Every structure is written in structure tokens, then in C-alpha cells.
Amino acid sequence: MDNILAVLLLVLGGMLVGGAFSLHRQGAARGTVVVVAVLAVLATAGGILWLLPGEG
């Protein structure tokens, strides 16, 4: 179950990256693009960190 959540975070990160790129190409406000890009980085980093072996 844990791996599924990590994969879902990675999928969400990928969708957000695509969304940020699309917003940029459409000429959206810089703040909007930055917020979506930061959310993409956080989701991707969360997915990667979730997959790393932890204590216990």
C-alpha cells in the first residue's frame, strides 16, 4: 500500500509539472506558474522520499 501512495505522489508531481509548463506557454501570471511548479517539486520529492528505506 505504501508503494501505491508513493506512485500516486509521483503521478501528481508529473501532472503538476505538465500543468506548470502549460500555464507558462499560455502566458499565465508568473506567480501562478511558480506556485504550481513548487507544488510539483514537493509532490515529486515526497514520492521519492516515500520510496527510500527508512528506520524500522
PDB file of N, CA and C in Angstrom:
ATOM      1  N   MET A   1       0.824  -1.196   0.000  1.00  0.00           N
ATOM      2  CA  MET A   1       0.000   0.000   0.000  1.00  0.00           C
ATOM      3  C   MET A   1       0.868   1.259   0.000  1.00  0.00           C
ATOM      4  N   ASP A   2       1.993   1.198   0.698  1.00  0.00           N
ATOM      5  CA  ASP A   2       2.862   2.372   0.762  1.00  0.00           C
ATOM      6  C   ASP A   2       3.420   2.728  -0.606  1.00  0.00           C
ATOM      7  N   ASN A   3       3.751   1.710  -1.392  1.00  0.00           N
ATOM      8  CA  ASN A   3       4.292   1.979  -2.716  1.00  0.00           C
ATOM      9  C   ASN A   3       3.261   2.624  -3.624  1.00  0.00           C
ATOM     10  N   ILE A   4       1.990   2.273  -3.436  1.00  0.00           N
ATOM     11  CA  ILE A   4       0.937   2.872  -4.251  1.00  0.00           C
ATOM     12  C   ILE A   4       0.841   4.362  -3.963  1.00  0.00           C
ATOM     13  N   LEU A   5       0.944   4.737  -2.697  1.00  0.00           N
ATOM     14  CA  LEU A   5       0.890   6.154  -2.341  1.00  0.00           C
ATOM     15  C   LEU A   5       2.075   6.919  -2.914  1.00  0.00           C
ATOM     16  N   ALA A   6       3.237   6.294  -2.917  1.00  0.00           N
ATOM     17  CA  ALA A   6       4.414   6.943  -3.494  1.00  0.00           C
ATOM     18  C   ALA A   6       4.234   7.134  -4.995  1.00  0.00           C
ATOM     19  N   VAL A   7       3.694   6.128  -5.662  1.00  0.00           N
ATOM     20  CA  VAL A   7       3.454   6.239  -7.098  1.00  0.00           C
ATOM     21  C   VAL A   7       2.414   7.320  -7.382  1.00  0.00           C
ATOM     22  N   LEU A   8       1.390   7.399  -6.562  1.00  0.00           N
ATOM     23  CA  LEU A   8       0.384   8.440  -6.756  1.00  0.00           C
ATOM     24  C   LEU A   8       0.977   9.836  -6.582  1.00  0.00           C
ATOM     25  N   LEU A   9       1.891   9.997  -5.633  1.00  0.00           N
ATOM     26  CA  LEU A   9       2.564  11.287  -5.464  1.00  0.00           C
ATOM     27  C   LEU A   9       3.413  11.621  -6.684  1.00  0.00           C
ATOM     28  N   LEU A  10       4.093  10.617  -7.234  1.00  0.00           N
ATOM     29  CA  LEU A  10       4.902  10.850  -8.425  1.00  0.00           C
ATOM     30  C   LEU A  10       4.031  11.194  -9.633  1.00  0.00           C
ATOM     31  N   VAL A  11       2.897  10.535  -9.750  1.00  0.00           N
ATOM     32  CA  VAL A  11       1.960  10.851 -10.839  1.00  0.00           C
ATOM     33  C   VAL A  11       1.434  12.274 -10.677  1.00  0.00           C
ATOM     34  N   LEU A  12       1.073  12.644  -9.467  1.00  0.00           N
ATOM     35  CA  LEU A  12       0.606  14.002  -9.204  1.00  0.00           C
ATOM     36  C   LEU A  12       1.690  15.020  -9.538  1.00  0.00           C
ATOM     37  N   GLY A  13       2.932  14.719  -9.159  1.00  0.00           N
ATOM     38  CA  GLY A  13       4.035  15.615  -9.488  1.00  0.00           C
ATOM     39  C   GLY A  13       4.199  15.780 -10.989  1.00  0.00           C
ATOM     40  N   GLY A  14       4.078  14.684 -11.729  1.00  0.00           N
ATOM     41  CA  GLY A  14       4.187  14.764 -13.182  1.00  0.00           C
ATOM     42  C   GLY A  14       3.073  15.586 -13.802  1.00  0.00           C
ATOM     43  N   MET A  15       1.861  15.411 -13.296  1.00  0.00           N
ATOM     44  CA  MET A  15       0.741  16.196 -13.811  1.00  0.00           C
ATOM     45  C   MET A  15       0.929  17.680 -13.510  1.00  0.00           C
ATOM     46  N   LEU A  16       1.452  17.983 -12.333  1.00  0.00           N
ATOM     47  CA  LEU A  16       1.680  19.377 -11.971  1.00  0.00           C
ATOM     48  C   LEU A  16       2.798  20.003 -12.795  1.00  0.00           C
ATOM     49  N   VAL A  17       3.823  19.224 -13.125  1.00  0.00           N
ATOM     50  CA  VAL A  17       4.889  19.728 -13.999  1.00  0.00           C
ATOM     51  C   VAL A  17       4.302  20.083 -15.358  1.00  0.00           C
ATOM     52  N   GLY A  18       3.480  19.180 -15.890  1.00  0.00           N
ATOM     53  CA  GLY A  18       2.826  19.458 -17.163  1.00  0.00           C
ATOM     54  C   GLY A  18       1.917  20.668 -17.085  1.00  0.00           C
ATOM     55  N   GLY A  19       1.222  20.797 -15.976  1.00  0.00           N
ATOM     56  CA  GLY A  19       0.352  21.954 -15.787  1.00  0.00           C
ATOM     57  C   GLY A  19       1.131  23.258 -15.709  1.00  0.00           C
ATOM     58  N   ALA A  20       2.249  23.243 -15.006  1.00  0.00           N
ATOM     59  CA  ALA A  20       3.079  24.443 -14.906  1.00  0.00           C
ATOM     60  C   ALA A  20       3.631  24.827 -16.274  1.00  0.00           C
ATOM     61  N   PHE A  21       4.068  23.835 -17.036  1.00  0.00           N
ATOM     62  CA  PHE A  21       4.585  24.105 -18.375  1.00  0.00           C
ATOM     63  C   PHE A  21       3.490  24.662 -19.276  1.00  0.00           C
ATOM     64  N   SER A  22       2.314  24.083 -19.187  1.00  0.00           N
ATOM     65  CA  SER A  22       1.184  24.554 -19.990  1.00  0.00           C
ATOM     66  C   SER A  22       0.794  25.979 -19.611  1.00  0.00           C
ATOM     67  N   LEU A  23       0.738  26.250 -18.308  1.00  0.00           N
ATOM     68  CA  LEU A  23       0.421  27.608 -17.865  1.00  0.00           C
ATOM     69  C   LEU A  23       1.451  28.612 -18.367  1.00  0.00           C
ATOM     70  N   HIS A  24       2.711  28.223 -18.323  1.00  0.00           N
ATOM     71  CA  HIS A  24       3.782  29.106 -18.804  1.00  0.00           C
ATOM     72  C   HIS A  24       3.618  29.409 -20.288  1.00  0.00           C
ATOM     73  N   ARG A  25       3.314  28.369 -21.074  1.00  0.00           N
ATOM     74  CA  ARG A  25       3.151  28.554 -22.520  1.00  0.00           C
ATOM     75  C   ARG A  25       1.932  29.399 -22.863  1.00  0.00           C
ATOM     76  N   GLN A  26       0.927  29.367 -22.004  1.00  0.00           N
ATOM     77  CA  GLN A  26      -0.286  30.146 -22.250  1.00  0.00           C
ATOM     78  C   GLN A  26      -0.171  31.576 -21.746  1.00  0.00           C
ATOM     79  N   GLY A  27       0.939  31.890 -21.106  1.00  0.00           N
ATOM     80  CA  GLY A  27       1.162  33.258 -20.653  1.00  0.00           C
ATOM     81  C   GLY A  27       0.493  33.592 -19.334  1.00  0.00           C
ATOM     82  N   ALA A  28       0.332  32.608 -18.478  1.00  0.00           N
ATOM     83  CA  ALA A  28      -0.279  32.855 -17.163  1.00  0.00           C
ATOM     84  C   ALA A  28       0.651  33.718 -16.309  1.00  0.00           C
ATOM     85  N   ALA A  29       0.086  34.259 -15.250  1.00  0.00           N
ATOM     86  CA  ALA A  29       0.867  35.090 -14.333  1.00  0.00           C
ATOM     87  C   ALA A  29       2.012  34.272 -13.742  1.00  0.00           C
ATOM     88  N   ARG A  30       3.142  34.944 -13.550  1.00  0.00           N
ATOM     89  CA  ARG A  30       4.336  34.262 -13.049  1.00  0.00           C
ATOM     90  C   ARG A  30       4.090  33.611 -11.690  1.00  0.00           C
ATOM     91  N   GLY A  31       3.335  34.268 -10.837  1.00  0.00           N
ATOM     92  CA  GLY A  31       3.063  33.725  -9.510  1.00  0.00           C
ATOM     93  C   GLY A  31       2.317  32.404  -9.572  1.00  0.00           C
ATOM     94  N   THR A  32       1.365  32.306 -10.484  1.00  0.00           N
ATOM     95  CA  THR A  32       0.605  31.075 -10.640  1.00  0.00           C
ATOM     96  C   THR A  32       1.507  29.938 -11.093  1.00  0.00           C
ATOM     97  N   VAL A  33       2.361  30.218 -12.056  1.00  0.00           N
ATOM     98  CA  VAL A  33       3.279  29.197 -12.565  1.00  0.00           C
ATOM     99  C   VAL A  33       4.230  28.750 -11.466  1.00  0.00           C
ATOM    100  N   VAL A  34       4.719  29.683 -10.686  1.00  0.00           N
ATOM    101  CA  VAL A  34       5.658  29.348  -9.610  1.00  0.00           C
ATOM    102  C   VAL A  34       4.978  28.488  -8.546  1.00  0.00           C
ATOM    103  N   VAL A  35       3.754  28.826  -8.188  1.00  0.00           N
ATOM    104  CA  VAL A  35       3.037  28.041  -7.170  1.00  0.00           C
ATOM    105  C   VAL A  35       2.826  26.606  -7.654  1.00  0.00           C
ATOM    106  N   VAL A  36       2.397  26.441  -8.902  1.00  0.00           N
ATOM    107  CA  VAL A  36       2.166  25.097  -9.431  1.00  0.00           C
ATOM    108  C   VAL A  36       3.494  24.343  -9.535  1.00  0.00           C
ATOM    109  N   ALA A  37       4.559  25.019  -9.930  1.00  0.00           N
ATOM    110  CA  ALA A  37       5.867  24.370 -10.037  1.00  0.00           C
ATOM    111  C   ALA A  37       6.381  23.939  -8.665  1.00  0.00           C
ATOM    112  N   VAL A  38       6.190  24.762  -7.657  1.00  0.00           N
ATOM    113  CA  VAL A  38       6.621  24.399  -6.297  1.00  0.00           C
ATOM    114  C   VAL A  38       5.826  23.203  -5.796  1.00  0.00           C
ATOM    115  N   LEU A  39       4.529  23.178  -6.057  1.00  0.00           N
ATOM    116  CA  LEU A  39       3.723  22.018  -5.671  1.00  0.00           C
ATOM    117  C   LEU A  39       4.189  20.754  -6.396  1.00  0.00           C
ATOM    118  N   ALA A  40       4.598  20.903  -7.658  1.00  0.00           N
ATOM    119  CA  ALA A  40       5.111  19.763  -8.416  1.00  0.00           C
ATOM    120  C   ALA A  40       6.392  19.232  -7.790  1.00  0.00           C
ATOM    121  N   VAL A  41       7.272  20.129  -7.405  1.00  0.00           N
ATOM    122  CA  VAL A  41       8.529  19.708  -6.783  1.00  0.00           C
ATOM    123  C   VAL A  41       8.262  19.032  -5.448  1.00  0.00           C
ATOM    124  N   LEU A  42       7.352  19.574  -4.665  1.00  0.00           N
ATOM    125  CA  LEU A  42       7.043  18.975  -3.365  1.00  0.00           C
ATOM    126  C   LEU A  42       6.425  17.585  -3.514  1.00  0.00           C
ATOM    127  N   ALA A  43       5.505  17.430  -4.464  1.00  0.00           N
ATOM    128  CA  ALA A  43       4.878  16.125  -4.670  1.00  0.00           C
ATOM    129  C   ALA A  43       5.904  15.102  -5.157  1.00  0.00           C
ATOM    130  N   THR A  44       6.756  15.505  -6.089  1.00  0.00           N
ATOM    131  CA  THR A  44       7.772  14.591  -6.600  1.00  0.00           C
ATOM    132  C   THR A  44       8.776  14.216  -5.513  1.00  0.00           C
ATOM    133  N   ALA A  45       9.223  15.199  -4.759  1.00  0.00           N
ATOM    134  CA  ALA A  45      10.168  14.921  -3.674  1.00  0.00           C
ATOM    135  C   ALA A  45       9.522  14.016  -2.620  1.00  0.00           C
ATOM    136  N   GLY A  46       8.259  14.253  -2.314  1.00  0.00           N
ATOM    137  CA  GLY A  46       7.558  13.401  -1.354  1.00  0.00           C
ATOM    138  C   GLY A  46       7.462  11.969  -1.839  1.00  0.00           C
ATOM    139  N   GLY A  47       7.179  11.781  -3.124  1.00  0.00           N
ATOM    140  CA  GLY A  47       7.109  10.436  -3.675  1.00  0.00           C
ATOM    141  C   GLY A  47       8.440   9.723  -3.633  1.00  0.00           C
ATOM    142  N   ILE A  48       9.501  10.449  -3.954  1.00  0.00           N
ATOM    143  CA  ILE A  48      10.842   9.841  -3.926  1.00  0.00           C
ATOM    144  C   ILE A  48      11.251   9.512  -2.494  1.00  0.00           C
ATOM    145  N   LEU A  49      11.018  10.449  -1.577  1.00  0.00           N
ATOM    146  CA  LEU A  49      11.398  10.205  -0.181  1.00  0.00           C
ATOM    147  C   LEU A  49      10.580   9.066   0.430  1.00  0.00           C
ATOM    148  N   TRP A  50       9.334   8.908  -0.013  1.00  0.00           N
ATOM    149  CA  TRP A  50       8.491   7.848   0.497  1.00  0.00           C
ATOM    150  C   TRP A  50       9.053   6.470   0.121  1.00  0.00           C
ATOM    151  N   LEU A  51       9.695   6.410  -1.039  1.00  0.00           N
ATOM    152  CA  LEU A  51      10.251   5.133  -1.506  1.00  0.00           C
ATOM    153  C   LEU A  51      11.584   4.773  -0.860  1.00  0.00           C
ATOM    154  N   LEU A  52      12.263   5.742  -0.267  1.00  0.00           N
ATOM    155  CA  LEU A  52      13.543   5.465   0.366  1.00  0.00           C
ATOM    156  C   LEU A  52      13.348   4.586   1.598  1.00  0.00           C
ATOM    157  N   PRO A  53      14.278   3.682   1.823  1.00  0.00           N
ATOM    158  CA  PRO A  53      14.152   2.832   3.011  1.00  0.00           C
ATOM    159  C   PRO A  53      14.311   3.673   4.281  1.00  0.00           C
ATOM    160  N   GLY A  54      13.462   3.412   5.232  1.00  0.00           N
ATOM    161  CA  GLY A  54      13.516   4.175   6.481  1.00  0.00           C
ATOM    162  C   GLY A  54      13.841   3.278   7.657  1.00  0.00           C
ATOM    163  N   GLU A  55      13.815   3.870   8.817  1.00  0.00           N
ATOM    164  CA  GLU A  55      14.092   3.113  10.025  1.00  0.00           C
ATOM    165  C   GLU A  55      12.866   2.276  10.385  1.00  0.00           C
ATOM    166  N   GLY A  56      13.106   1.134  10.957  1.00  0.00           N
ATOM    167  CA  GLY A  56      12.008   0.316  11.441  1.00  0.00           C
ATOM    168  C   GLY A  56      11.784  -0.814  10.552  1.00  0.00           C
TER     169      GLY A  56
END
